[in-house]
mmCIF file of all heavy atoms, coordinates in Angstrom:
data_MODEL
# 
_entry.id   MODEL 
# 
loop_
_atom_site.group_PDB 
_atom_site.id 
_atom_site.type_symbol 
_atom_site.label_atom_id 
_atom_site.label_alt_id 
_atom_site.label_comp_id 
_atom_site.label_asym_id 
_atom_site.label_entity_id 
_atom_site.label_seq_id 
_atom_site.pdbx_PDB_ins_code 
_atom_site.Cartn_x 
_atom_site.Cartn_y 
_atom_site.Cartn_z 
_atom_site.occupancy 
_atom_site.B_iso_or_equiv 
_atom_site.pdbx_formal_charge 
_atom_site.auth_seq_id 
_atom_site.auth_comp_id 
_atom_site.auth_asym_id 
_atom_site.auth_atom_id 
_atom_site.pdbx_PDB_model_num 
ATOM 1   N N   . ALA A 1 1  ? 0.856  -1.185  0.000  1.00 0.00 ? 1  ALA A N   1 
ATOM 2   C CA  . ALA A 1 1  ? 0.000  0.000   0.000  1.00 0.00 ? 1  ALA A CA  1 
ATOM 3   C C   . ALA A 1 1  ? 0.893  1.236   0.000  1.00 0.00 ? 1  ALA A C   1 
ATOM 4   O O   . ALA A 1 1  ? 1.926  1.278   0.668  1.00 0.00 ? 1  ALA A O   1 
ATOM 5   C CB  . ALA A 1 1  ? -0.905 -0.002  1.218  1.00 0.00 ? 1  ALA A CB  1 
ATOM 6   N N   . VAL A 1 2  ? 0.513  2.243   -0.777 1.00 0.00 ? 2  VAL A N   1 
ATOM 7   C CA  . VAL A 1 2  ? 1.281  3.481   -0.886 1.00 0.00 ? 2  VAL A CA  1 
ATOM 8   C C   . VAL A 1 2  ? 0.357  4.628   -0.515 1.00 0.00 ? 2  VAL A C   1 
ATOM 9   O O   . VAL A 1 2  ? -0.762 4.733   -1.026 1.00 0.00 ? 2  VAL A O   1 
ATOM 10  C CB  . VAL A 1 2  ? 1.828  3.664   -2.323 1.00 0.00 ? 2  VAL A CB  1 
ATOM 11  C CG1 . VAL A 1 2  ? 2.597  4.966   -2.426 1.00 0.00 ? 2  VAL A CG1 1 
ATOM 12  C CG2 . VAL A 1 2  ? 2.700  2.496   -2.709 1.00 0.00 ? 2  VAL A CG2 1 
ATOM 13  N N   . GLU A 1 3  ? 0.840  5.545   0.393  1.00 0.00 ? 3  GLU A N   1 
ATOM 14  C CA  . GLU A 1 3  ? 0.057  6.704   0.819  1.00 0.00 ? 3  GLU A CA  1 
ATOM 15  C C   . GLU A 1 3  ? 0.869  7.975   0.577  1.00 0.00 ? 3  GLU A C   1 
ATOM 16  O O   . GLU A 1 3  ? 2.091  7.941   0.522  1.00 0.00 ? 3  GLU A O   1 
ATOM 17  C CB  . GLU A 1 3  ? -0.291 6.588   2.305  1.00 0.00 ? 3  GLU A CB  1 
ATOM 18  C CG  . GLU A 1 3  ? -1.182 5.413   2.619  1.00 0.00 ? 3  GLU A CG  1 
ATOM 19  C CD  . GLU A 1 3  ? -1.459 5.293   4.107  1.00 0.00 ? 3  GLU A CD  1 
ATOM 20  O OE1 . GLU A 1 3  ? -1.093 6.188   4.880  1.00 0.00 ? 3  GLU A OE1 1 
ATOM 21  O OE2 . GLU A 1 3  ? -2.024 4.256   4.493  1.00 0.00 ? 3  GLU A OE2 1 
ATOM 22  N N   . ASN A 1 4  ? 0.175  9.100   0.491  1.00 0.00 ? 4  ASN A N   1 
ATOM 23  C CA  . ASN A 1 4  ? 0.777  10.423  0.296  1.00 0.00 ? 4  ASN A CA  1 
ATOM 24  C C   . ASN A 1 4  ? 1.642  10.478  -0.962 1.00 0.00 ? 4  ASN A C   1 
ATOM 25  O O   . ASN A 1 4  ? 2.708  11.079  -0.988 1.00 0.00 ? 4  ASN A O   1 
ATOM 26  C CB  . ASN A 1 4  ? 1.612  10.850  1.527  1.00 0.00 ? 4  ASN A CB  1 
ATOM 27  C CG  . ASN A 1 4  ? 0.769  10.982  2.760  1.00 0.00 ? 4  ASN A CG  1 
ATOM 28  O OD1 . ASN A 1 4  ? -0.423 11.279  2.672  1.00 0.00 ? 4  ASN A OD1 1 
ATOM 29  N ND2 . ASN A 1 4  ? 1.375  10.757  3.921  1.00 0.00 ? 4  ASN A ND2 1 
ATOM 30  N N   . PHE A 1 5  ? 1.183  9.844   -2.008 1.00 0.00 ? 5  PHE A N   1 
ATOM 31  C CA  . PHE A 1 5  ? 1.913  9.858   -3.267 1.00 0.00 ? 5  PHE A CA  1 
ATOM 32  C C   . PHE A 1 5  ? 1.465  11.072  -4.056 1.00 0.00 ? 5  PHE A C   1 
ATOM 33  O O   . PHE A 1 5  ? 0.271  11.323  -4.204 1.00 0.00 ? 5  PHE A O   1 
ATOM 34  C CB  . PHE A 1 5  ? 1.614  8.570   -4.056 1.00 0.00 ? 5  PHE A CB  1 
ATOM 35  C CG  . PHE A 1 5  ? 2.315  8.508   -5.373 1.00 0.00 ? 5  PHE A CG  1 
ATOM 36  C CD1 . PHE A 1 5  ? 3.674  8.273   -5.432 1.00 0.00 ? 5  PHE A CD1 1 
ATOM 37  C CD2 . PHE A 1 5  ? 1.631  8.702   -6.556 1.00 0.00 ? 5  PHE A CD2 1 
ATOM 38  C CE1 . PHE A 1 5  ? 4.332  8.221   -6.641 1.00 0.00 ? 5  PHE A CE1 1 
ATOM 39  C CE2 . PHE A 1 5  ? 2.277  8.657   -7.779 1.00 0.00 ? 5  PHE A CE2 1 
ATOM 40  C CZ  . PHE A 1 5  ? 3.637  8.405   -7.816 1.00 0.00 ? 5  PHE A CZ  1 
ATOM 41  N N   . ALA A 1 6  ? 2.401  11.853  -4.550 1.00 0.00 ? 6  ALA A N   1 
ATOM 42  C CA  . ALA A 1 6  ? 2.154  13.069  -5.332 1.00 0.00 ? 6  ALA A CA  1 
ATOM 43  C C   . ALA A 1 6  ? 1.294  14.052  -4.547 1.00 0.00 ? 6  ALA A C   1 
ATOM 44  O O   . ALA A 1 6  ? 0.305  14.586  -5.022 1.00 0.00 ? 6  ALA A O   1 
ATOM 45  C CB  . ALA A 1 6  ? 1.519  12.726  -6.669 1.00 0.00 ? 6  ALA A CB  1 
ATOM 46  N N   . GLY A 1 7  ? 1.702  14.272  -3.321 1.00 0.00 ? 7  GLY A N   1 
ATOM 47  C CA  . GLY A 1 7  ? 0.959  15.206  -2.472 1.00 0.00 ? 7  GLY A CA  1 
ATOM 48  C C   . GLY A 1 7  ? 1.216  16.646  -2.877 1.00 0.00 ? 7  GLY A C   1 
ATOM 49  O O   . GLY A 1 7  ? 1.839  16.953  -3.893 1.00 0.00 ? 7  GLY A O   1 
ATOM 50  N N   . THR A 1 8  ? 0.761  17.595  -2.029 1.00 0.00 ? 8  THR A N   1 
ATOM 51  C CA  . THR A 1 8  ? 0.943  19.026  -2.300 1.00 0.00 ? 8  THR A CA  1 
ATOM 52  C C   . THR A 1 8  ? 1.628  19.667  -1.097 1.00 0.00 ? 8  THR A C   1 
ATOM 53  O O   . THR A 1 8  ? 1.651  19.120  0.005  1.00 0.00 ? 8  THR A O   1 
ATOM 54  C CB  . THR A 1 8  ? -0.425 19.699  -2.542 1.00 0.00 ? 8  THR A CB  1 
ATOM 55  O OG1 . THR A 1 8  ? -1.222 19.529  -1.392 1.00 0.00 ? 8  THR A OG1 1 
ATOM 56  C CG2 . THR A 1 8  ? -1.111 19.151  -3.765 1.00 0.00 ? 8  THR A CG2 1 
ATOM 57  N N   . GLY A 1 9  ? 2.150  20.833  -1.298 1.00 0.00 ? 9  GLY A N   1 
ATOM 58  C CA  . GLY A 1 9  ? 2.785  21.579  -0.202 1.00 0.00 ? 9  GLY A CA  1 
ATOM 59  C C   . GLY A 1 9  ? 4.059  20.917  0.265  1.00 0.00 ? 9  GLY A C   1 
ATOM 60  O O   . GLY A 1 9  ? 4.930  20.563  -0.514 1.00 0.00 ? 9  GLY A O   1 
ATOM 61  N N   . ARG A 1 10 ? 4.146  20.739  1.604  1.00 0.00 ? 10 ARG A N   1 
ATOM 62  C CA  . ARG A 1 10 ? 5.333  20.137  2.208  1.00 0.00 ? 10 ARG A CA  1 
ATOM 63  C C   . ARG A 1 10 ? 5.585  18.705  1.757  1.00 0.00 ? 10 ARG A C   1 
ATOM 64  O O   . ARG A 1 10 ? 6.719  18.251  1.722  1.00 0.00 ? 10 ARG A O   1 
ATOM 65  C CB  . ARG A 1 10 ? 5.145  20.138  3.728  1.00 0.00 ? 10 ARG A CB  1 
ATOM 66  C CG  . ARG A 1 10 ? 6.100  21.007  4.434  1.00 0.00 ? 10 ARG A CG  1 
ATOM 67  C CD  . ARG A 1 10 ? 5.970  20.932  5.936  1.00 0.00 ? 10 ARG A CD  1 
ATOM 68  N NE  . ARG A 1 10 ? 6.119  19.560  6.396  1.00 0.00 ? 10 ARG A NE  1 
ATOM 69  C CZ  . ARG A 1 10 ? 5.413  18.995  7.361  1.00 0.00 ? 10 ARG A CZ  1 
ATOM 70  N NH1 . ARG A 1 10 ? 4.501  19.687  7.996  1.00 0.00 ? 10 ARG A NH1 1 
ATOM 71  N NH2 . ARG A 1 10 ? 5.623  17.757  7.712  1.00 0.00 ? 10 ARG A NH2 1 
ATOM 72  N N   . VAL A 1 11 ? 4.560  17.968  1.426  1.00 0.00 ? 11 VAL A N   1 
ATOM 73  C CA  . VAL A 1 11 ? 4.705  16.559  1.025  1.00 0.00 ? 11 VAL A CA  1 
ATOM 74  C C   . VAL A 1 11 ? 4.553  16.402  -0.480 1.00 0.00 ? 11 VAL A C   1 
ATOM 75  O O   . VAL A 1 11 ? 4.035  15.405  -0.964 1.00 0.00 ? 11 VAL A O   1 
ATOM 76  C CB  . VAL A 1 11 ? 3.684  15.670  1.780  1.00 0.00 ? 11 VAL A CB  1 
ATOM 77  C CG1 . VAL A 1 11 ? 4.079  15.496  3.202  1.00 0.00 ? 11 VAL A CG1 1 
ATOM 78  C CG2 . VAL A 1 11 ? 2.293  16.196  1.639  1.00 0.00 ? 11 VAL A CG2 1 
ATOM 79  N N   . GLN A 1 12 ? 5.002  17.399  -1.220 1.00 0.00 ? 12 GLN A N   1 
ATOM 80  C CA  . GLN A 1 12 ? 4.887  17.370  -2.668 1.00 0.00 ? 12 GLN A CA  1 
ATOM 81  C C   . GLN A 1 12 ? 5.796  16.303  -3.266 1.00 0.00 ? 12 GLN A C   1 
ATOM 82  O O   . GLN A 1 12 ? 6.892  16.062  -2.758 1.00 0.00 ? 12 GLN A O   1 
ATOM 83  C CB  . GLN A 1 12 ? 5.277  18.760  -3.205 1.00 0.00 ? 12 GLN A CB  1 
ATOM 84  C CG  . GLN A 1 12 ? 5.074  18.891  -4.680 1.00 0.00 ? 12 GLN A CG  1 
ATOM 85  C CD  . GLN A 1 12 ? 5.418  20.309  -5.145 1.00 0.00 ? 12 GLN A CD  1 
ATOM 86  O OE1 . GLN A 1 12 ? 6.071  21.065  -4.446 1.00 0.00 ? 12 GLN A OE1 1 
ATOM 87  N NE2 . GLN A 1 12 ? 4.987  20.654  -6.337 1.00 0.00 ? 12 GLN A NE2 1 
ATOM 88  N N   . GLY A 1 13 ? 5.318  15.646  -4.338 1.00 0.00 ? 13 GLY A N   1 
ATOM 89  C CA  . GLY A 1 13 ? 6.103  14.607  -4.999 1.00 0.00 ? 13 GLY A CA  1 
ATOM 90  C C   . GLY A 1 13 ? 6.110  13.339  -4.166 1.00 0.00 ? 13 GLY A C   1 
ATOM 91  O O   . GLY A 1 13 ? 5.092  12.913  -3.663 1.00 0.00 ? 13 GLY A O   1 
ATOM 92  N N   . VAL A 1 14 ? 7.303  12.806  -3.952 1.00 0.00 ? 14 VAL A N   1 
ATOM 93  C CA  . VAL A 1 14 ? 7.414  11.552  -3.206 1.00 0.00 ? 14 VAL A CA  1 
ATOM 94  C C   . VAL A 1 14 ? 8.078  11.780  -1.843 1.00 0.00 ? 14 VAL A C   1 
ATOM 95  O O   . VAL A 1 14 ? 8.477  10.822  -1.187 1.00 0.00 ? 14 VAL A O   1 
ATOM 96  C CB  . VAL A 1 14 ? 8.188  10.486  -4.026 1.00 0.00 ? 14 VAL A CB  1 
ATOM 97  C CG1 . VAL A 1 14 ? 7.375  10.017  -5.186 1.00 0.00 ? 14 VAL A CG1 1 
ATOM 98  C CG2 . VAL A 1 14 ? 9.534  10.988  -4.453 1.00 0.00 ? 14 VAL A CG2 1 
ATOM 99  N N   . ARG A 1 15 ? 8.190  13.043  -1.391 1.00 0.00 ? 15 ARG A N   1 
ATOM 100 C CA  . ARG A 1 15 ? 8.845  13.330  -0.123 1.00 0.00 ? 15 ARG A CA  1 
ATOM 101 C C   . ARG A 1 15 ? 8.080  12.736  1.051  1.00 0.00 ? 15 ARG A C   1 
ATOM 102 O O   . ARG A 1 15 ? 8.677  12.253  1.999  1.00 0.00 ? 15 ARG A O   1 
ATOM 103 C CB  . ARG A 1 15 ? 8.961  14.839  0.085  1.00 0.00 ? 15 ARG A CB  1 
ATOM 104 C CG  . ARG A 1 15 ? 9.999  15.444  -0.789 1.00 0.00 ? 15 ARG A CG  1 
ATOM 105 C CD  . ARG A 1 15 ? 10.188 16.908  -0.434 1.00 0.00 ? 15 ARG A CD  1 
ATOM 106 N NE  . ARG A 1 15 ? 10.857 17.537  -1.545 1.00 0.00 ? 15 ARG A NE  1 
ATOM 107 C CZ  . ARG A 1 15 ? 10.635 18.752  -1.944 1.00 0.00 ? 15 ARG A CZ  1 
ATOM 108 N NH1 . ARG A 1 15 ? 9.769  19.519  -1.332 1.00 0.00 ? 15 ARG A NH1 1 
ATOM 109 N NH2 . ARG A 1 15 ? 11.295 19.240  -2.958 1.00 0.00 ? 15 ARG A NH2 1 
ATOM 110 N N   . GLY A 1 16 ? 6.780  12.795  1.021  1.00 0.00 ? 16 GLY A N   1 
ATOM 111 C CA  . GLY A 1 16 ? 5.987  12.288  2.147  1.00 0.00 ? 16 GLY A CA  1 
ATOM 112 C C   . GLY A 1 16 ? 5.420  10.903  1.882  1.00 0.00 ? 16 GLY A C   1 
ATOM 113 O O   . GLY A 1 16 ? 4.474  10.470  2.533  1.00 0.00 ? 16 GLY A O   1 
ATOM 114 N N   . LEU A 1 17 ? 6.007  10.196  0.933  1.00 0.00 ? 17 LEU A N   1 
ATOM 115 C CA  . LEU A 1 17 ? 5.509  8.871   0.549  1.00 0.00 ? 17 LEU A CA  1 
ATOM 116 C C   . LEU A 1 17 ? 5.640  7.884   1.697  1.00 0.00 ? 17 LEU A C   1 
ATOM 117 O O   . LEU A 1 17 ? 6.674  7.808   2.350  1.00 0.00 ? 17 LEU A O   1 
ATOM 118 C CB  . LEU A 1 17 ? 6.299  8.362   -0.661 1.00 0.00 ? 17 LEU A CB  1 
ATOM 119 C CG  . LEU A 1 17 ? 5.934  6.969   -1.162 1.00 0.00 ? 17 LEU A CG  1 
ATOM 120 C CD1 . LEU A 1 17 ? 4.562  6.992   -1.809 1.00 0.00 ? 17 LEU A CD1 1 
ATOM 121 C CD2 . LEU A 1 17 ? 6.969  6.476   -2.142 1.00 0.00 ? 17 LEU A CD2 1 
ATOM 122 N N   . GLU A 1 18 ? 4.564  7.201   1.948  1.00 0.00 ? 18 GLU A N   1 
ATOM 123 C CA  . GLU A 1 18 ? 4.572  6.145   2.954  1.00 0.00 ? 18 GLU A CA  1 
ATOM 124 C C   . GLU A 1 18 ? 4.180  4.851   2.258  1.00 0.00 ? 18 GLU A C   1 
ATOM 125 O O   . GLU A 1 18 ? 3.157  4.785   1.596  1.00 0.00 ? 18 GLU A O   1 
ATOM 126 C CB  . GLU A 1 18 ? 3.572  6.446   4.073  1.00 0.00 ? 18 GLU A CB  1 
ATOM 127 C CG  . GLU A 1 18 ? 3.924  7.668   4.886  1.00 0.00 ? 18 GLU A CG  1 
ATOM 128 C CD  . GLU A 1 18 ? 2.873  7.970   5.946  1.00 0.00 ? 18 GLU A CD  1 
ATOM 129 O OE1 . GLU A 1 18 ? 2.058  7.067   6.260  1.00 0.00 ? 18 GLU A OE1 1 
ATOM 130 O OE2 . GLU A 1 18 ? 2.859  9.096   6.428  1.00 0.00 ? 18 GLU A OE2 1 
ATOM 131 N N   . ALA A 1 19 ? 5.002  3.836   2.421  1.00 0.00 ? 19 ALA A N   1 
ATOM 132 C CA  . ALA A 1 19 ? 4.721  2.539   1.792  1.00 0.00 ? 19 ALA A CA  1 
ATOM 133 C C   . ALA A 1 19 ? 4.605  1.488   2.890  1.00 0.00 ? 19 ALA A C   1 
ATOM 134 O O   . ALA A 1 19 ? 5.393  1.480   3.838  1.00 0.00 ? 19 ALA A O   1 
ATOM 135 C CB  . ALA A 1 19 ? 5.829  2.168   0.822  1.00 0.00 ? 19 ALA A CB  1 
ATOM 136 N N   . THR A 1 20 ? 3.611  0.639   2.742  1.00 0.00 ? 20 THR A N   1 
ATOM 137 C CA  . THR A 1 20 ? 3.423  -0.461  3.685  1.00 0.00 ? 20 THR A CA  1 
ATOM 138 C C   . THR A 1 20 ? 3.429  -1.762  2.896  1.00 0.00 ? 20 THR A C   1 
ATOM 139 O O   . THR A 1 20 ? 2.714  -1.913  1.910  1.00 0.00 ? 20 THR A O   1 
ATOM 140 C CB  . THR A 1 20 ? 2.060  -0.323  4.411  1.00 0.00 ? 20 THR A CB  1 
ATOM 141 O OG1 . THR A 1 20 ? 1.996  0.959   5.025  1.00 0.00 ? 20 THR A OG1 1 
ATOM 142 C CG2 . THR A 1 20 ? 1.906  -1.406  5.456  1.00 0.00 ? 20 THR A CG2 1 
ATOM 143 N N   . VAL A 1 21 ? 4.268  -2.699  3.319  1.00 0.00 ? 21 VAL A N   1 
ATOM 144 C CA  . VAL A 1 21 ? 4.338  -4.012  2.678  1.00 0.00 ? 21 VAL A CA  1 
ATOM 145 C C   . VAL A 1 21 ? 3.974  -5.029  3.745  1.00 0.00 ? 21 VAL A C   1 
ATOM 146 O O   . VAL A 1 21 ? 4.497  -4.994  4.855  1.00 0.00 ? 21 VAL A O   1 
ATOM 147 C CB  . VAL A 1 21 ? 5.745  -4.287  2.122  1.00 0.00 ? 21 VAL A CB  1 
ATOM 148 C CG1 . VAL A 1 21 ? 5.813  -5.691  1.530  1.00 0.00 ? 21 VAL A CG1 1 
ATOM 149 C CG2 . VAL A 1 21 ? 6.134  -3.236  1.093  1.00 0.00 ? 21 VAL A CG2 1 
ATOM 150 N N   . GLN A 1 22 ? 3.055  -5.923  3.375  1.00 0.00 ? 22 GLN A N   1 
ATOM 151 C CA  . GLN A 1 22 ? 2.601  -6.923  4.350  1.00 0.00 ? 22 GLN A CA  1 
ATOM 152 C C   . GLN A 1 22 ? 2.633  -8.301  3.691  1.00 0.00 ? 22 GLN A C   1 
ATOM 153 O O   . GLN A 1 22 ? 2.112  -8.494  2.594  1.00 0.00 ? 22 GLN A O   1 
ATOM 154 C CB  . GLN A 1 22 ? 1.164  -6.592  4.785  1.00 0.00 ? 22 GLN A CB  1 
ATOM 155 C CG  . GLN A 1 22 ? 0.587  -7.573  5.754  1.00 0.00 ? 22 GLN A CG  1 
ATOM 156 C CD  . GLN A 1 22 ? -0.853 -7.213  6.125  1.00 0.00 ? 22 GLN A CD  1 
ATOM 157 O OE1 . GLN A 1 22 ? -1.350 -6.159  5.740  1.00 0.00 ? 22 GLN A OE1 1 
ATOM 158 N NE2 . GLN A 1 22 ? -1.482 -8.073  6.866  1.00 0.00 ? 22 GLN A NE2 1 
ATOM 159 N N   . ALA A 1 23 ? 3.255  -9.248  4.343  1.00 0.00 ? 23 ALA A N   1 
ATOM 160 C CA  . ALA A 1 23 ? 3.283  -10.629 3.873  1.00 0.00 ? 23 ALA A CA  1 
ATOM 161 C C   . ALA A 1 23 ? 2.482  -11.467 4.858  1.00 0.00 ? 23 ALA A C   1 
ATOM 162 O O   . ALA A 1 23 ? 2.583  -11.275 6.073  1.00 0.00 ? 23 ALA A O   1 
ATOM 163 C CB  . ALA A 1 23 ? 4.714  -11.140 3.786  1.00 0.00 ? 23 ALA A CB  1 
ATOM 164 N N   . SER A 1 24 ? 1.673  -12.395 4.309  1.00 0.00 ? 24 SER A N   1 
ATOM 165 C CA  . SER A 1 24 ? 0.881  -13.247 5.195  1.00 0.00 ? 24 SER A CA  1 
ATOM 166 C C   . SER A 1 24 ? 0.827  -14.660 4.633  1.00 0.00 ? 24 SER A C   1 
ATOM 167 O O   . SER A 1 24 ? 0.922  -14.874 3.429  1.00 0.00 ? 24 SER A O   1 
ATOM 168 C CB  . SER A 1 24 ? -0.529 -12.684 5.362  1.00 0.00 ? 24 SER A CB  1 
ATOM 169 O OG  . SER A 1 24 ? -1.208 -12.667 4.134  1.00 0.00 ? 24 SER A OG  1 
ATOM 170 N N   . GLN A 1 25 ? 0.699  -15.600 5.523  1.00 0.00 ? 25 GLN A N   1 
ATOM 171 C CA  . GLN A 1 25 ? 0.587  -17.017 5.148  1.00 0.00 ? 25 GLN A CA  1 
ATOM 172 C C   . GLN A 1 25 ? -0.496 -17.627 6.024  1.00 0.00 ? 25 GLN A C   1 
ATOM 173 O O   . GLN A 1 25 ? -0.450 -17.532 7.238  1.00 0.00 ? 25 GLN A O   1 
ATOM 174 C CB  . GLN A 1 25 ? 1.922  -17.733 5.365  1.00 0.00 ? 25 GLN A CB  1 
ATOM 175 C CG  . GLN A 1 25 ? 1.864  -19.234 5.200  1.00 0.00 ? 25 GLN A CG  1 
ATOM 176 C CD  . GLN A 1 25 ? 1.652  -19.651 3.754  1.00 0.00 ? 25 GLN A CD  1 
ATOM 177 O OE1 . GLN A 1 25 ? 2.332  -19.142 2.874  1.00 0.00 ? 25 GLN A OE1 1 
ATOM 178 N NE2 . GLN A 1 25 ? 0.710  -20.535 3.510  1.00 0.00 ? 25 GLN A NE2 1 
# 
């Protein structure tokens, strides 16, 4: 999951990008 992608202001572009990777079995 990717959040804050291509934001505006202080988090413009990929600066504030948050990525979550989850593996499950």
